[in-house]
Protein backbone atom coordinates (compact mmCIF):
# COMPACT_ATOMS: atom_id res chain seq x y z
CA MET A 1 9.66 24.12 -12.09
CA ILE A 2 9.02 21.46 -9.47
CA THR A 3 11.62 18.87 -8.54
CA VAL A 4 10.41 15.48 -7.29
CA VAL A 5 12.97 13.10 -5.80
CA GLY A 6 11.84 9.48 -5.89
CA GLY A 7 9.78 7.59 -8.45
CA GLY A 8 7.72 5.38 -6.17
CA LEU A 9 3.98 5.65 -5.56
CA ALA A 10 4.11 9.03 -3.82
CA GLY A 11 6.68 10.56 -6.17
CA SER A 12 4.89 9.41 -9.30
CA GLU A 13 1.53 10.67 -8.00
CA ALA A 14 3.05 14.00 -6.93
CA ALA A 15 4.72 14.53 -10.31
CA TRP A 16 1.50 13.68 -12.14
CA GLN A 17 -0.66 16.00 -10.02
CA ALA A 18 1.73 18.94 -10.38
CA ALA A 19 2.06 18.45 -14.13
CA GLU A 20 -1.72 18.20 -14.50
CA GLN A 21 -1.87 21.65 -12.89
CA GLY A 22 0.28 22.95 -15.72
CA VAL A 23 3.61 23.16 -13.86
CA PRO A 24 6.73 21.54 -15.39
CA VAL A 25 8.24 18.74 -13.27
CA THR A 26 11.60 17.00 -13.16
CA LEU A 27 11.33 13.58 -11.53
CA TYR A 28 14.52 11.92 -10.24
CA GLU A 29 14.65 8.14 -9.84
CA MET A 30 17.96 6.45 -9.03
CA ARG A 31 17.04 3.04 -10.44
CA PRO A 32 18.51 1.39 -12.50
CA ALA A 33 21.72 3.39 -12.02
CA ARG A 34 21.61 2.44 -8.36
CA PRO A 35 19.45 -0.57 -7.44
CA THR A 36 17.89 -1.33 -4.06
CA ALA A 37 17.80 -4.53 -2.05
CA VAL A 38 14.16 -5.27 -2.90
CA HIS A 39 13.30 -3.65 -6.24
CA LYS A 40 13.62 -5.89 -9.31
CA THR A 41 12.97 -3.48 -12.19
CA ASP A 42 13.57 0.12 -13.23
CA ARG A 43 9.85 0.89 -13.47
CA LEU A 44 8.23 3.70 -11.54
CA ALA A 45 5.88 2.76 -8.69
CA GLU A 46 7.15 -0.83 -8.48
CA LEU A 47 5.33 -2.69 -5.71
CA VAL A 48 7.57 -4.83 -3.51
CA CYS A 49 5.70 -5.73 -0.30
CA SER A 50 2.32 -6.87 -1.61
CA ASN A 51 0.03 -6.47 -4.58
CA SER A 52 -2.91 -5.45 -2.38
CA PHE A 53 -4.25 -1.93 -1.87
CA ARG A 54 -6.58 -3.36 0.79
CA GLY A 55 -10.35 -2.81 1.16
CA ASP A 56 -12.37 -1.06 -1.52
CA LYS A 57 -15.74 -0.42 0.07
CA LEU A 58 -16.96 2.76 1.73
CA ASP A 59 -17.59 1.04 5.06
CA ASN A 60 -13.84 0.92 5.66
CA ALA A 61 -11.47 3.86 5.87
CA VAL A 62 -9.03 2.84 3.16
CA GLY A 63 -11.95 2.30 0.78
CA LEU A 64 -13.04 5.86 1.50
CA LEU A 65 -9.50 7.14 0.94
CA LYS A 66 -9.43 5.45 -2.47
CA GLU A 67 -12.72 7.05 -3.50
CA GLU A 68 -11.46 10.47 -2.44
CA MET A 69 -8.32 9.95 -4.50
CA ARG A 70 -10.36 8.92 -7.53
CA ARG A 71 -12.35 12.15 -7.26
CA LEU A 72 -9.07 14.07 -7.10
CA GLY A 73 -7.85 12.49 -10.33
CA SER A 74 -5.32 10.07 -8.85
CA LEU A 75 -3.00 8.39 -11.34
CA VAL A 76 -2.30 5.58 -8.89
CA MET A 77 -6.00 4.75 -8.58
CA ARG A 78 -6.43 4.86 -12.35
CA ALA A 79 -3.51 2.48 -12.84
CA ALA A 80 -4.78 0.19 -10.08
CA GLU A 81 -8.18 -0.14 -11.76
CA ALA A 82 -6.52 -0.88 -15.10
CA SER A 83 -4.44 -3.71 -13.59
CA ARG A 84 -6.95 -5.11 -11.11
CA VAL A 85 -6.98 -8.82 -10.20
CA PRO A 86 -9.58 -10.77 -8.15
CA ALA A 87 -9.21 -10.14 -4.40
CA GLY A 88 -12.64 -10.32 -2.82
CA ALA A 89 -13.65 -6.98 -1.34
CA ALA A 90 -10.10 -5.67 -1.67
CA LEU A 91 -8.29 -3.92 -4.51
CA ALA A 92 -5.30 -5.96 -5.66
CA VAL A 93 -3.29 -5.49 -8.83
CA ASP A 94 -1.03 -7.19 -11.31
CA ARG A 95 2.30 -5.72 -10.19
CA GLU A 96 3.92 -5.58 -13.62
CA ARG A 97 0.95 -4.09 -15.42
CA PHE A 98 0.44 -1.56 -12.62
CA ALA A 99 4.06 -0.34 -12.75
CA GLU A 100 4.03 -0.31 -16.56
CA THR A 101 0.87 1.81 -16.57
CA ILE A 102 2.34 4.35 -14.15
CA THR A 103 5.69 4.46 -15.96
CA ARG A 104 4.08 4.96 -19.35
CA ALA A 105 1.73 7.71 -18.14
CA VAL A 106 4.47 9.67 -16.39
CA SER A 107 6.99 9.20 -19.20
CA GLU A 108 4.57 10.36 -21.85
CA HIS A 109 3.38 13.47 -19.98
CA SER A 110 4.56 16.53 -21.88
CA LEU A 111 5.41 18.46 -18.69
CA ILE A 112 7.37 15.70 -16.89
CA THR A 113 11.06 14.99 -17.43
CA ILE A 114 12.50 11.85 -15.84
CA GLU A 115 16.17 11.84 -14.77
CA ARG A 116 17.66 8.45 -13.93
CA GLN A 117 20.26 9.38 -11.34
CA GLU A 118 20.75 9.35 -7.59
CA VAL A 119 20.16 12.52 -5.61
CA VAL A 120 22.52 12.52 -2.63
CA SER A 121 21.38 15.75 -0.99
CA ILE A 122 18.16 17.74 -0.82
CA PRO A 123 18.01 20.07 -3.86
CA ALA A 124 17.74 23.82 -3.37
CA SER A 125 14.16 25.04 -3.32
CA SER A 126 12.23 28.31 -3.57
CA GLU A 127 8.62 29.42 -3.82
CA ARG A 128 8.80 29.27 -7.63
CA ASP A 129 10.85 26.07 -7.61
CA PRO A 130 9.59 23.86 -4.77
CA VAL A 131 10.99 20.39 -4.08
CA ILE A 132 9.18 17.20 -3.08
CA VAL A 133 11.22 14.42 -1.47
CA ALA A 134 9.44 11.08 -1.78
CA THR A 135 12.28 8.58 -1.64
CA GLY A 136 10.44 5.95 0.34
CA PRO A 137 11.52 3.50 3.01
CA LEU A 138 14.82 2.74 1.26
CA THR A 139 16.18 6.28 1.12
CA SER A 140 19.91 6.11 0.41
CA ASP A 141 22.39 6.64 3.23
CA ALA A 142 23.69 9.92 1.81
CA LEU A 143 20.26 11.49 1.35
CA SER A 144 19.09 10.13 4.71
CA ALA A 145 21.99 11.87 6.41
CA ASP A 146 21.15 15.15 4.69
CA ILE A 147 17.48 14.83 5.69
CA ALA A 148 18.46 14.09 9.29
CA ALA A 149 20.65 17.19 9.37
CA LEU A 150 17.80 19.30 8.01
CA VAL A 151 15.02 18.19 10.33
CA GLY A 152 17.23 18.21 13.41
CA GLU A 153 15.65 15.05 14.75
CA ARG A 154 17.04 11.58 15.06
CA HIS A 155 15.58 9.39 12.35
CA LEU A 156 13.10 6.76 13.44
CA TYR A 157 12.92 3.43 11.68
CA PHE A 158 11.37 0.01 11.70
CA TYR A 159 11.82 -3.10 9.60
CA ASP A 160 9.24 -4.03 6.98
CA ALA A 161 8.74 -7.60 5.79
CA ILE A 162 7.29 -8.87 2.50
CA SER A 163 5.37 -12.05 1.69
CA PRO A 164 6.42 -15.04 -0.44
CA ILE A 165 4.90 -15.70 -3.88
CA VAL A 166 4.20 -19.20 -5.21
CA LEU A 167 3.88 -20.47 -8.80
CA ALA A 168 0.21 -21.33 -9.34
CA GLU A 169 0.79 -24.52 -11.30
CA THR A 170 2.69 -26.02 -8.35
CA ILE A 171 -0.28 -25.66 -5.95
CA ASP A 172 -2.00 -28.99 -5.28
CA ARG A 173 -5.56 -28.09 -6.30
CA SER A 174 -7.00 -31.19 -4.73
CA LYS A 175 -6.15 -29.76 -1.30
CA VAL A 176 -7.31 -26.15 -1.69
CA PHE A 177 -10.70 -24.54 -2.18
CA ARG A 178 -11.73 -21.24 -3.71
CA ALA A 179 -13.62 -18.80 -1.48
CA SER A 180 -13.67 -15.24 -0.18
CA ARG A 181 -14.16 -14.78 3.54
CA TRP A 182 -17.91 -14.66 4.29
CA ASP A 183 -18.36 -14.89 0.49
CA ARG A 184 -17.52 -11.18 0.47
CA SER A 185 -16.48 -10.06 -3.01
CA LEU A 186 -16.64 -6.95 -5.10
CA GLY A 187 -18.22 -8.99 -7.86
CA PRO A 188 -18.84 -8.06 -11.50
CA THR A 189 -21.43 -5.37 -10.72
CA CYS A 190 -18.82 -3.10 -9.18
CA ASP A 191 -16.43 -3.71 -12.08
CA VAL A 192 -19.15 -3.03 -14.66
CA ARG A 193 -19.93 0.25 -12.89
CA ARG A 194 -16.26 1.26 -13.05
CA ALA A 195 -15.95 0.17 -16.69
CA GLU A 196 -18.97 2.30 -17.59
CA ARG A 197 -17.36 5.17 -15.71
CA GLY A 198 -14.27 4.81 -17.89
CA ASP A 199 -11.83 3.86 -15.13
CA GLY A 200 -9.90 1.45 -17.31
CA VAL A 201 -11.07 -1.93 -15.97
CA PRO A 202 -10.04 -4.59 -18.52
CA ALA A 203 -13.01 -6.21 -20.27
CA GLU A 204 -12.02 -9.67 -19.11
CA ARG A 205 -12.24 -8.52 -15.46
CA VAL A 206 -15.74 -7.14 -15.96
CA ARG A 207 -17.02 -10.64 -16.64
CA GLY A 208 -15.08 -12.20 -13.79
CA ALA A 209 -12.33 -13.96 -15.73
CA GLY A 210 -10.44 -16.38 -13.52
CA ALA A 211 -6.95 -17.76 -13.30
CA PRO A 212 -6.10 -20.32 -15.99
CA GLY A 213 -5.57 -23.83 -14.72
CA LEU A 214 -7.32 -23.18 -11.41
CA ASP A 215 -10.89 -23.96 -10.42
CA ASN A 216 -13.02 -20.93 -11.23
CA ASP A 217 -16.47 -21.69 -9.90
CA GLY A 218 -17.31 -18.09 -9.05
CA GLN A 219 -17.30 -18.87 -5.35
CA GLY A 220 -14.56 -16.44 -4.33
CA ASP A 221 -11.32 -14.71 -5.19
CA TYR A 222 -8.88 -16.55 -2.89
CA LEU A 223 -7.42 -20.04 -2.82
CA ASN A 224 -7.61 -21.42 0.70
CA CYS A 225 -5.39 -24.02 2.31
CA ALA A 226 -7.24 -25.69 5.19
CA LEU A 227 -5.29 -27.04 8.17
CA THR A 228 -6.41 -29.50 10.79
CA ARG A 229 -5.31 -29.02 14.38
CA GLU A 230 -2.51 -31.53 13.91
CA GLU A 231 -1.32 -29.82 10.71
CA TYR A 232 -1.44 -26.41 12.38
CA GLU A 233 0.57 -27.63 15.39
CA ARG A 234 3.20 -29.13 13.09
CA PHE A 235 3.42 -25.90 11.08
CA TYR A 236 3.57 -23.73 14.21
CA ASP A 237 6.40 -25.75 15.74
CA ALA A 238 8.42 -25.60 12.53
CA LEU A 239 7.85 -21.86 12.13
CA THR A 240 8.83 -20.92 15.67
CA THR A 241 12.06 -22.93 15.50
CA ALA A 242 13.09 -21.81 11.98
CA GLU A 243 16.30 -19.84 11.59
CA SER A 244 15.89 -16.13 10.87
CA ALA A 245 17.88 -14.20 8.31
CA THR A 246 20.39 -11.74 9.71
CA VAL A 247 18.99 -8.26 10.27
CA HIS A 248 21.40 -5.41 10.84
CA ASP A 249 20.84 -3.55 14.13
CA PHE A 250 18.69 -6.50 15.21
CA ASP A 251 18.82 -5.37 18.83
CA LYS A 252 17.04 -2.15 17.79
CA GLU A 253 14.56 -3.91 15.54
CA ARG A 254 11.09 -2.32 15.33
CA PHE A 255 8.38 -3.64 13.07
CA PHE A 256 5.25 -1.78 12.03
CA GLU A 257 2.48 -3.48 14.00
CA GLY A 258 0.31 -3.85 10.90
CA CYS A 259 3.01 -5.70 8.96
CA LEU A 260 4.62 -8.04 11.49
CA PRO A 261 6.62 -11.02 10.22
CA ILE A 262 4.57 -14.16 10.73
CA GLU A 263 7.20 -15.71 13.00
CA VAL A 264 7.14 -12.62 15.24
CA MET A 265 3.36 -13.01 15.59
CA ALA A 266 3.75 -16.73 16.25
CA HIS A 267 6.09 -16.13 19.18
CA ARG A 268 3.35 -14.13 20.90
CA GLY A 269 1.34 -17.29 21.49
CA ARG A 270 0.41 -20.64 19.97
CA ASP A 271 -3.01 -19.46 18.78
CA THR A 272 -2.02 -15.95 17.68
CA LEU A 273 -1.86 -16.93 14.00
CA ARG A 274 -5.34 -18.50 14.21
CA PHE A 275 -6.68 -15.07 15.17
CA GLY A 276 -4.48 -13.32 12.58
CA PRO A 277 -3.39 -14.30 9.06
CA MET A 278 -4.45 -17.95 9.53
CA LYS A 279 -7.91 -17.26 10.95
CA PRO A 280 -10.54 -19.63 9.53
CA VAL A 281 -13.51 -17.41 10.38
CA GLY A 282 -15.85 -16.89 7.42
CA LEU A 283 -14.32 -19.71 5.36
CA ILE A 284 -16.31 -22.91 4.84
CA ASP A 285 -14.40 -25.85 3.40
CA PRO A 286 -16.84 -27.39 0.87
CA ARG A 287 -15.32 -30.82 1.47
CA THR A 288 -16.35 -30.81 5.14
CA GLY A 289 -19.07 -28.15 5.31
CA ARG A 290 -17.25 -26.59 8.29
CA GLU A 291 -14.67 -23.96 9.08
CA PRO A 292 -11.17 -25.49 9.21
CA TYR A 293 -9.05 -25.30 12.35
CA ALA A 294 -6.80 -22.78 10.57
CA ALA A 295 -6.46 -21.52 7.01
CA VAL A 296 -3.90 -19.88 4.73
CA GLN A 297 -5.24 -17.65 1.96
CA LEU A 298 -3.50 -17.30 -1.39
CA ARG A 299 -4.23 -14.16 -3.39
CA GLN A 300 -3.78 -13.90 -7.15
CA ASP A 301 -0.75 -11.69 -7.78
CA ASN A 302 -1.01 -10.97 -11.51
CA LEU A 303 -3.58 -10.94 -14.29
CA ALA A 304 -2.18 -14.08 -15.88
CA GLY A 305 -3.10 -15.91 -12.71
CA ASP A 306 0.18 -17.84 -12.57
CA HIS A 307 1.47 -16.22 -9.36
CA PHE A 308 -0.20 -16.30 -5.93
CA SER A 309 1.00 -14.55 -2.78
CA LEU A 310 0.51 -15.89 0.75
CA VAL A 311 -1.72 -13.34 2.45
CA GLY A 312 -0.24 -11.97 5.68
CA PHE A 313 2.82 -14.23 5.47
CA GLN A 314 5.53 -11.58 5.45
CA THR A 315 8.63 -13.14 6.98
CA GLN A 316 12.32 -12.75 7.74
CA ILE A 317 13.30 -16.42 8.11
CA LYS A 318 16.04 -17.77 5.82
CA TRP A 319 14.96 -18.76 2.33
CA SER A 320 15.90 -22.41 2.76
CA GLU A 321 13.88 -22.46 5.95
CA GLN A 322 10.94 -20.76 4.26
CA ALA A 323 10.79 -23.52 1.65
CA ARG A 324 10.82 -26.20 4.34
CA VAL A 325 8.26 -24.56 6.64
CA LEU A 326 5.80 -23.29 4.01
CA ARG A 327 5.68 -26.68 2.30
CA LEU A 328 4.06 -28.01 5.47
CA ILE A 329 0.91 -26.10 4.45
CA PRO A 330 -1.60 -28.45 2.77
CA GLY A 331 -1.58 -27.79 -0.96
CA LEU A 332 1.93 -26.32 -0.95
CA GLU A 333 3.90 -29.55 -0.41
CA GLN A 334 5.45 -29.28 -3.88
CA ALA A 335 5.23 -25.50 -4.19
CA GLU A 336 7.77 -23.60 -6.26
CA PHE A 337 8.41 -20.13 -4.88
CA VAL A 338 8.76 -17.29 -7.36
CA ARG A 339 9.90 -15.02 -4.54
CA PHE A 340 10.66 -15.70 -0.91
CA GLY A 341 9.75 -13.29 1.86
CA MET A 342 12.36 -10.85 3.06
CA VAL A 343 12.99 -7.91 5.40
CA HIS A 344 14.13 -4.40 4.59
CA ARG A 345 14.68 -1.25 6.59
CA ASN A 346 11.95 1.37 6.49
CA THR A 347 13.12 4.91 7.24
CA TYR A 348 10.77 7.75 8.11
CA VAL A 349 10.80 11.13 9.87
CA ASN A 350 8.91 12.15 12.97
CA GLY A 351 6.01 13.82 11.17
CA PRO A 352 4.60 15.98 14.01
CA THR A 353 7.96 17.65 14.57
CA VAL A 354 8.74 18.07 10.88
CA LEU A 355 5.61 18.54 8.76
CA THR A 356 2.51 20.69 8.39
CA GLU A 357 -0.88 19.42 7.18
CA THR A 358 0.08 20.44 3.64
CA TRP A 359 3.11 18.06 3.77
CA GLN A 360 5.49 21.04 3.86
CA VAL A 361 8.55 21.01 6.10
CA ARG A 362 7.90 23.42 8.96
CA LYS A 363 11.31 25.06 8.92
CA ARG A 364 11.51 25.10 5.10
CA PRO A 365 8.05 25.55 3.52
CA THR A 366 9.35 25.30 -0.04
CA LEU A 367 10.25 21.67 0.68
CA PHE A 368 7.68 18.85 0.89
CA PHE A 369 8.03 15.29 2.16
CA ALA A 370 5.65 12.63 0.86
CA GLY A 371 5.19 8.88 0.96
CA GLN A 372 6.31 6.42 3.61
CA MET A 373 9.37 8.42 4.57
CA SER A 374 7.01 11.24 5.60
CA GLY A 375 5.46 9.02 8.26
CA VAL A 376 2.49 7.28 6.68
CA GLU A 377 2.06 3.54 6.22
CA GLY A 378 0.59 1.76 3.22
CA TYR A 379 0.43 2.06 -0.54
CA VAL A 380 -2.76 4.10 -0.61
CA GLU A 381 -1.70 6.44 2.21
CA SER A 382 1.68 7.04 0.56
CA SER A 383 0.03 7.83 -2.76
CA ALA A 384 -2.46 10.15 -1.06
CA SER A 385 0.31 12.16 0.57
CA GLY A 386 2.03 12.50 -2.80
CA LEU A 387 -1.23 13.66 -4.35
CA VAL A 388 -1.68 16.50 -1.86
CA ALA A 389 2.02 17.41 -1.94
CA GLY A 390 1.89 17.61 -5.73
CA LEU A 391 -1.19 19.84 -5.71
CA ASN A 392 0.32 22.15 -3.10
CA ALA A 393 3.75 22.33 -4.75
CA ALA A 394 2.00 23.38 -7.95
CA ALA A 395 -0.02 25.99 -6.08
CA LEU A 396 3.16 27.34 -4.48
CA ALA A 397 4.94 27.51 -7.85
CA ARG A 398 2.03 29.50 -9.31
CA GLY A 399 1.92 31.92 -6.40
CA GLU A 400 -1.35 30.54 -5.02
CA THR A 401 -2.37 29.50 -1.53
CA VAL A 402 -1.60 25.97 -0.37
CA SER A 403 -4.28 24.04 1.54
CA ALA A 404 -5.16 20.66 2.97
CA PRO A 405 -8.48 18.84 2.55
CA PRO A 406 -10.80 19.08 5.58
CA ARG A 407 -9.99 16.86 8.53
CA THR A 408 -13.40 15.26 8.10
CA THR A 409 -12.07 13.61 4.92
CA ALA A 410 -9.82 10.56 4.99
CA ILE A 411 -7.04 12.32 3.13
CA GLY A 412 -7.31 15.36 5.41
CA ALA A 413 -7.42 13.23 8.56
CA LEU A 414 -4.25 11.47 7.47
CA ALA A 415 -2.50 14.81 6.96
CA TYR A 416 -3.71 15.99 10.36
CA TYR A 417 -2.44 12.85 12.08
CA VAL A 418 1.01 13.09 10.52
CA SER A 419 1.36 16.72 11.57
CA HIS A 420 -0.38 16.65 14.98
CA ALA A 421 0.16 13.23 16.60
CA ASP A 422 2.16 12.93 19.83
CA PRO A 423 5.79 13.24 18.67
CA ALA A 424 7.08 11.41 21.75
CA HIS A 425 5.23 8.24 20.76
CA TYR A 426 4.89 8.71 17.01
CA GLU A 427 4.53 5.74 14.69
CA PRO A 428 3.42 5.66 11.05
CA SER A 429 -0.27 4.96 10.64
CA ASN A 430 -2.65 3.52 8.10
CA ILE A 431 -5.83 5.47 7.58
CA THR A 432 -8.58 4.57 10.07
CA PHE A 433 -11.94 6.08 10.93
CA GLY A 434 -10.51 6.51 14.42
CA ILE A 435 -8.36 9.47 13.36
CA MET A 436 -11.35 11.29 11.85
CA PRO A 437 -13.64 13.58 13.92
CA PRO A 438 -16.65 11.57 15.17
CA LEU A 439 -20.20 12.24 14.08
CA GLN A 440 -22.53 13.97 16.53
CA PRO A 441 -24.90 12.20 16.88
CA ALA A 442 -23.53 8.98 15.45
CA PRO A 443 -25.72 6.25 13.92
CA ARG A 444 -25.97 2.98 15.83
CA GLY A 445 -23.88 0.13 14.48
CA LYS A 446 -20.33 0.19 13.17
CA LYS A 447 -21.16 -0.25 9.49
CA LEU A 448 -23.83 2.46 9.46
CA ARG A 449 -21.53 4.77 11.41
CA ASN A 450 -18.67 4.20 8.94
CA LEU A 451 -20.91 4.75 5.95
CA ALA A 452 -22.15 7.99 7.49
CA LEU A 453 -18.56 9.13 8.05
CA SER A 454 -17.82 8.35 4.40
CA GLU A 455 -20.88 10.26 3.23
CA ARG A 456 -19.80 13.31 5.25
CA ALA A 457 -16.23 13.01 4.01
CA LEU A 458 -17.16 12.88 0.33
CA ALA A 459 -19.51 15.86 0.67
CA ASP A 460 -16.80 17.89 2.43
CA LEU A 461 -14.20 16.85 -0.15
CA ASP A 462 -16.45 17.96 -3.00
CA ALA A 463 -16.93 21.33 -1.31
CA TRP A 464 -13.17 21.72 -0.85
CA MET A 465 -12.58 20.84 -4.50
CA ARG A 466 -15.14 23.43 -5.64
CA ALA A 467 -13.47 26.07 -3.47
CA ARG A 468 -10.05 25.26 -4.98
CA THR A 469 -11.49 25.52 -8.48
CA LEU A 470 -12.89 28.99 -7.75
CA VAL A 471 -9.52 30.15 -6.40
CA HIS A 472 -7.71 28.93 -9.49
CA GLN A 473 -10.11 30.56 -11.94
């Protein structure tokens, strides 16, 4: 019997993988008995920060990681495909449908039992009864204290911020234009391929269905708000003088560099946003035939197309201030916000001092950590860690050898980073090609080099999967 604590992305994936290996699993999720500050439902794998799983092409590392997970039978990837919404070259999902798909699959699995109660201390574990802790960035105080006592290291933490969501019908369509940056989009061909493969892409997505009530000219997957220099300056001044919400331990505040609140970025310099979330590069306003001075992209947040999130606009300013400042963006003057941005604490352990490449705790190998609290960053990375932890917990329970995918794969490189990075300067990381062994010799050009790394990774992953199959036979 395997015990999984936490029903987020990593916990749900871990439970699914272990059960698919034929090992019974008990999954503990404290919601709704005990809610969190940011979750709104009792569903498993509820997404709170964004609806985007980022890039989905093999010339970027997270696209490679997704393909590796698909080949490993990932439940998260299957659910993401089934709830996909337009997002250019990225994979974005309808939050509700995604969580419903995960919850239904896990609930209906014959070898998984879900217990809705809080776990306040790490359960006892053994080789036949391993435990996976995947409680995420909002691990309760009681369990956090028990984890800290176990690992013998002071917990690290940073604050994570989430983006606002606007009601689509309140966007002034006369002031926005539809486009993907550089016209880069996955397009219907990719969706048709996945539909033929049986990955659960809804039929309406295969033909490029658009959001009702919004211009759907096939030109791109994002709505873009163009700003002139004067409009940008006005917005910047309002943002940098807006009042922030109170953050506990503010003097110790640490944000993950890849998810900085927009006002934190703005304070780094007047043009910082124009080279970040408001960059106009690759966007041509059809009304002028030119790139705007700055631009805000809105990404469809659900299949109905009635919610759009502000891309890269995670924030910690007060809600009343958010309404005032964000309505300075052209097209959002009368916007109604379904959800304002907010900040929450993100707790994680120092991976290199605590974990092995198999996601086992060094001083207690029958215990696994997975997800963001294990020291990875991002939806896909968290799910990937849960996938490997689930496979290895099942192997341990069956008396078999645990293993990690080769470091030449994205999923293996992530495991290697978490367990081998410099502990004195450790920070959670998204997957990047930079943490994978380089090619010798390497092709010229970044795109060709990345594609070659992906080709090597997928070949090595397939070989590792074949070797595992032979061991289990």
